[in-house]
């Protein structure tokens, strides 16, 4: 088992705790990174949250044209062309 590193941080009046820079670098914690905080057995545990690609991209393309509408329109045009071929026979 690896030796645990002990570092200290002071809790601010607002309850904020600064994660020491070496730990932020080690675990890839950057501004905006979500962390999970677990309470149990008289300890507070802090974990970098594993990124969820679905959650991270949710709403990212909300201001762009709908791809679904484009695909449906294209399929409707294709259906019309196929029906026109059948009627022409």
N, C-alpha and C. Protein backbone atom coordinates (compact mmCIF):
# COMPACT_ATOMS: atom_id res chain seq x y z
N UNK A 1 0.85 -1.18 0.00
CA UNK A 1 0.00 0.00 0.00
C UNK A 1 0.89 1.23 0.00
N UNK A 2 0.55 2.22 -0.83
CA UNK A 2 1.35 3.43 -0.93
C UNK A 2 1.24 4.27 0.34
N UNK A 3 2.32 4.95 0.63
CA UNK A 3 2.35 5.81 1.81
C UNK A 3 1.45 7.03 1.57
N UNK A 4 0.61 7.34 2.53
CA UNK A 4 -0.29 8.48 2.42
C UNK A 4 0.48 9.77 2.62
N UNK A 5 0.16 10.76 1.82
CA UNK A 5 0.76 12.08 1.96
C UNK A 5 -0.17 12.94 2.80
N UNK A 6 0.37 13.60 3.79
CA UNK A 6 -0.44 14.46 4.64
C UNK A 6 -0.15 15.91 4.28
N UNK A 7 -1.19 16.65 3.95
CA UNK A 7 -1.08 18.08 3.67
C UNK A 7 -2.13 18.78 4.50
N UNK A 8 -1.92 20.04 4.76
CA UNK A 8 -2.88 20.79 5.58
C UNK A 8 -3.47 21.94 4.78
N UNK A 9 -4.71 22.24 5.10
CA UNK A 9 -5.40 23.38 4.48
C UNK A 9 -6.33 23.97 5.54
N UNK A 10 -6.47 25.27 5.50
CA UNK A 10 -7.31 25.97 6.47
C UNK A 10 -8.70 26.20 5.87
N UNK A 11 -9.72 25.98 6.66
CA UNK A 11 -11.09 26.20 6.22
C UNK A 11 -11.43 27.68 6.38
N UNK A 12 -11.97 28.29 5.32
CA UNK A 12 -12.31 29.72 5.36
C UNK A 12 -13.64 29.91 6.11
N UNK A 13 -14.00 31.16 6.34
CA UNK A 13 -15.26 31.49 7.02
C UNK A 13 -16.46 30.97 6.21
N UNK A 14 -16.31 30.84 4.91
CA UNK A 14 -17.39 30.34 4.05
C UNK A 14 -17.36 28.82 3.91
N UNK A 15 -16.41 28.17 4.56
CA UNK A 15 -16.32 26.72 4.48
C UNK A 15 -15.48 26.23 3.31
N UNK A 16 -14.78 27.13 2.65
CA UNK A 16 -13.95 26.75 1.51
C UNK A 16 -12.64 26.16 1.98
N UNK A 17 -12.16 25.15 1.23
CA UNK A 17 -10.87 24.54 1.49
C UNK A 17 -10.13 24.52 0.16
N UNK A 18 -8.90 24.97 0.15
CA UNK A 18 -8.09 24.95 -1.06
C UNK A 18 -7.38 23.61 -1.15
N UNK A 19 -7.55 22.92 -2.27
CA UNK A 19 -6.85 21.66 -2.50
C UNK A 19 -5.43 22.01 -2.91
N UNK A 20 -4.42 21.51 -2.22
CA UNK A 20 -3.04 21.85 -2.55
C UNK A 20 -2.70 21.56 -4.01
N UNK A 21 -1.90 22.45 -4.60
CA UNK A 21 -1.55 22.36 -6.03
C UNK A 21 -0.97 21.01 -6.43
N UNK A 22 -0.08 20.40 -5.65
CA UNK A 22 0.44 19.09 -6.08
C UNK A 22 -0.66 18.05 -6.26
N UNK A 23 -1.67 18.08 -5.40
CA UNK A 23 -2.78 17.13 -5.52
C UNK A 23 -3.68 17.49 -6.70
N UNK A 24 -3.90 18.78 -6.95
CA UNK A 24 -4.70 19.18 -8.11
C UNK A 24 -4.04 18.70 -9.39
N UNK A 25 -2.71 18.87 -9.49
CA UNK A 25 -1.98 18.41 -10.68
C UNK A 25 -2.04 16.89 -10.80
N UNK A 26 -1.80 16.19 -9.70
CA UNK A 26 -1.77 14.73 -9.70
C UNK A 26 -3.09 14.14 -10.18
N UNK A 27 -4.19 14.74 -9.75
CA UNK A 27 -5.51 14.18 -10.07
C UNK A 27 -6.24 14.93 -11.17
N UNK A 28 -5.56 15.88 -11.82
CA UNK A 28 -6.17 16.59 -12.95
C UNK A 28 -7.35 17.46 -12.56
N UNK A 29 -7.31 18.01 -11.37
CA UNK A 29 -8.40 18.87 -10.90
C UNK A 29 -8.12 20.30 -11.35
N UNK A 30 -9.00 20.79 -12.22
CA UNK A 30 -8.87 22.15 -12.76
C UNK A 30 -10.11 22.95 -12.36
N UNK A 31 -10.08 24.27 -12.54
CA UNK A 31 -11.27 25.05 -12.24
C UNK A 31 -12.48 24.49 -13.00
N UNK A 32 -13.56 24.28 -12.30
CA UNK A 32 -14.77 23.74 -12.90
C UNK A 32 -14.90 22.23 -12.76
N UNK A 33 -13.83 21.55 -12.33
CA UNK A 33 -13.90 20.10 -12.14
C UNK A 33 -14.85 19.79 -10.99
N UNK A 34 -15.75 18.86 -11.23
CA UNK A 34 -16.67 18.43 -10.18
C UNK A 34 -15.97 17.41 -9.29
N UNK A 35 -16.24 17.47 -8.01
CA UNK A 35 -15.70 16.49 -7.07
C UNK A 35 -16.87 15.91 -6.27
N UNK A 36 -16.68 14.69 -5.80
CA UNK A 36 -17.66 14.05 -4.94
C UNK A 36 -17.12 14.08 -3.51
N UNK A 37 -17.97 14.38 -2.57
CA UNK A 37 -17.58 14.43 -1.17
C UNK A 37 -18.41 13.39 -0.44
N UNK A 38 -17.71 12.47 0.21
CA UNK A 38 -18.39 11.40 0.94
C UNK A 38 -18.07 11.50 2.42
N UNK A 39 -19.06 11.22 3.23
CA UNK A 39 -18.94 11.28 4.69
C UNK A 39 -19.15 9.89 5.24
N UNK A 40 -18.20 9.41 6.03
CA UNK A 40 -18.38 8.10 6.63
C UNK A 40 -17.23 7.73 7.54
N UNK A 41 -17.53 6.98 8.56
CA UNK A 41 -16.54 6.50 9.52
C UNK A 41 -15.70 7.63 10.11
N UNK A 42 -16.31 8.78 10.36
CA UNK A 42 -15.61 9.90 10.96
C UNK A 42 -14.63 10.58 10.03
N UNK A 43 -14.76 10.34 8.72
CA UNK A 43 -13.86 10.94 7.73
C UNK A 43 -14.66 11.64 6.65
N UNK A 44 -14.05 12.65 6.07
CA UNK A 44 -14.59 13.31 4.89
C UNK A 44 -13.66 12.95 3.74
N UNK A 45 -14.20 12.32 2.71
CA UNK A 45 -13.41 11.90 1.56
C UNK A 45 -13.80 12.72 0.34
N UNK A 46 -12.80 13.15 -0.41
CA UNK A 46 -13.03 13.97 -1.59
C UNK A 46 -12.47 13.22 -2.80
N UNK A 47 -13.31 13.03 -3.83
CA UNK A 47 -12.92 12.30 -5.03
C UNK A 47 -13.14 13.16 -6.26
N UNK A 48 -12.15 13.20 -7.17
CA UNK A 48 -12.43 13.84 -8.46
C UNK A 48 -13.53 13.03 -9.14
N UNK A 49 -14.53 13.71 -9.64
CA UNK A 49 -15.64 13.02 -10.27
C UNK A 49 -15.22 12.53 -11.65
N UNK A 50 -15.53 11.28 -11.93
CA UNK A 50 -15.23 10.72 -13.25
C UNK A 50 -16.14 11.41 -14.25
N UNK A 51 -15.55 11.91 -15.32
CA UNK A 51 -16.34 12.66 -16.28
C UNK A 51 -17.31 11.76 -17.02
N UNK A 52 -18.51 12.27 -17.24
CA UNK A 52 -19.54 11.57 -17.99
C UNK A 52 -19.69 12.30 -19.32
N UNK A 53 -19.26 11.70 -20.44
CA UNK A 53 -19.31 12.41 -21.71
C UNK A 53 -20.71 12.85 -22.10
N UNK A 54 -21.72 12.09 -21.73
CA UNK A 54 -23.09 12.47 -22.06
C UNK A 54 -23.47 13.73 -21.29
N UNK A 55 -23.16 13.74 -19.99
CA UNK A 55 -23.49 14.90 -19.16
C UNK A 55 -22.71 16.14 -19.61
N UNK A 56 -21.44 15.95 -19.97
CA UNK A 56 -20.60 17.08 -20.37
C UNK A 56 -21.08 17.72 -21.66
N UNK A 57 -21.65 16.94 -22.57
CA UNK A 57 -22.07 17.50 -23.86
C UNK A 57 -23.55 17.87 -23.90
N UNK A 58 -24.29 17.55 -22.82
CA UNK A 58 -25.72 17.87 -22.81
C UNK A 58 -25.93 19.36 -23.00
N UNK A 59 -26.72 19.72 -23.99
CA UNK A 59 -27.05 21.12 -24.26
C UNK A 59 -25.98 21.89 -25.01
N UNK A 60 -24.89 21.24 -25.35
CA UNK A 60 -23.78 21.93 -26.00
C UNK A 60 -24.18 22.47 -27.37
N UNK A 61 -25.07 21.78 -28.06
CA UNK A 61 -25.47 22.18 -29.40
C UNK A 61 -26.89 22.75 -29.45
N UNK A 62 -27.36 23.26 -28.34
CA UNK A 62 -28.72 23.75 -28.26
C UNK A 62 -28.98 24.92 -29.20
N UNK A 63 -27.97 25.72 -29.50
CA UNK A 63 -28.15 26.89 -30.35
C UNK A 63 -27.85 26.62 -31.82
N UNK A 64 -27.64 25.36 -32.18
CA UNK A 64 -27.34 25.01 -33.57
C UNK A 64 -28.56 24.39 -34.22
N UNK A 65 -28.61 24.39 -35.55
CA UNK A 65 -29.75 23.77 -36.24
C UNK A 65 -29.88 22.29 -35.87
N UNK A 66 -31.10 21.81 -35.87
CA UNK A 66 -31.36 20.43 -35.48
C UNK A 66 -30.94 19.46 -36.57
N UNK A 67 -30.06 18.57 -36.25
CA UNK A 67 -29.63 17.54 -37.18
C UNK A 67 -30.79 16.58 -37.46
N UNK A 68 -31.59 16.31 -36.46
CA UNK A 68 -32.73 15.42 -36.63
C UNK A 68 -33.69 15.96 -37.69
N UNK A 69 -33.97 17.25 -37.64
CA UNK A 69 -34.87 17.86 -38.63
C UNK A 69 -34.29 17.74 -40.03
N UNK A 70 -32.98 17.93 -40.17
CA UNK A 70 -32.33 17.80 -41.47
C UNK A 70 -32.43 16.37 -42.00
N UNK A 71 -32.20 15.38 -41.14
CA UNK A 71 -32.28 13.98 -41.55
C UNK A 71 -33.71 13.63 -41.95
N UNK A 72 -34.68 14.07 -41.16
CA UNK A 72 -36.08 13.77 -41.49
C UNK A 72 -36.49 14.41 -42.81
N UNK A 73 -36.06 15.63 -43.06
CA UNK A 73 -36.37 16.31 -44.32
C UNK A 73 -35.71 15.57 -45.49
N UNK A 74 -34.48 15.15 -45.32
CA UNK A 74 -33.78 14.41 -46.38
C UNK A 74 -34.49 13.09 -46.67
N UNK A 75 -34.92 12.40 -45.65
CA UNK A 75 -35.64 11.13 -45.85
C UNK A 75 -36.99 11.35 -46.54
N UNK A 76 -37.67 12.45 -46.20
CA UNK A 76 -38.95 12.75 -46.85
C UNK A 76 -38.72 13.01 -48.34
N UNK A 77 -37.66 13.74 -48.68
CA UNK A 77 -37.34 14.00 -50.09
C UNK A 77 -37.01 12.69 -50.81
N UNK A 78 -36.26 11.83 -50.16
CA UNK A 78 -35.89 10.54 -50.76
C UNK A 78 -37.14 9.69 -50.99
N UNK A 79 -38.05 9.70 -50.02
CA UNK A 79 -39.30 8.94 -50.15
C UNK A 79 -40.11 9.46 -51.34
N UNK A 80 -40.16 10.78 -51.50
CA UNK A 80 -40.88 11.39 -52.63
C UNK A 80 -40.27 10.96 -53.96
N UNK A 81 -38.93 10.93 -54.04
CA UNK A 81 -38.26 10.51 -55.28
C UNK A 81 -38.58 9.05 -55.60
N UNK A 82 -38.56 8.19 -54.56
CA UNK A 82 -38.85 6.78 -54.76
C UNK A 82 -40.30 6.59 -55.21
N UNK A 83 -41.23 7.32 -54.60
CA UNK A 83 -42.63 7.21 -54.97
C UNK A 83 -42.84 7.72 -56.39
N UNK A 84 -42.13 8.76 -56.79
CA UNK A 84 -42.23 9.30 -58.16
C UNK A 84 -41.76 8.25 -59.17
N UNK A 85 -40.69 7.51 -58.83
CA UNK A 85 -40.20 6.44 -59.72
C UNK A 85 -41.25 5.36 -59.89
N UNK A 86 -41.91 5.02 -58.79
CA UNK A 86 -42.95 3.96 -58.84
C UNK A 86 -44.13 4.43 -59.68
N UNK A 87 -44.55 5.67 -59.53
CA UNK A 87 -45.68 6.20 -60.29
C UNK A 87 -45.35 6.31 -61.78
N UNK A 88 -44.09 6.53 -62.10
CA UNK A 88 -43.67 6.70 -63.50
C UNK A 88 -43.71 5.36 -64.26
N UNK A 89 -43.73 4.26 -63.58
CA UNK A 89 -43.72 2.94 -64.25
C UNK A 89 -45.00 2.64 -64.93
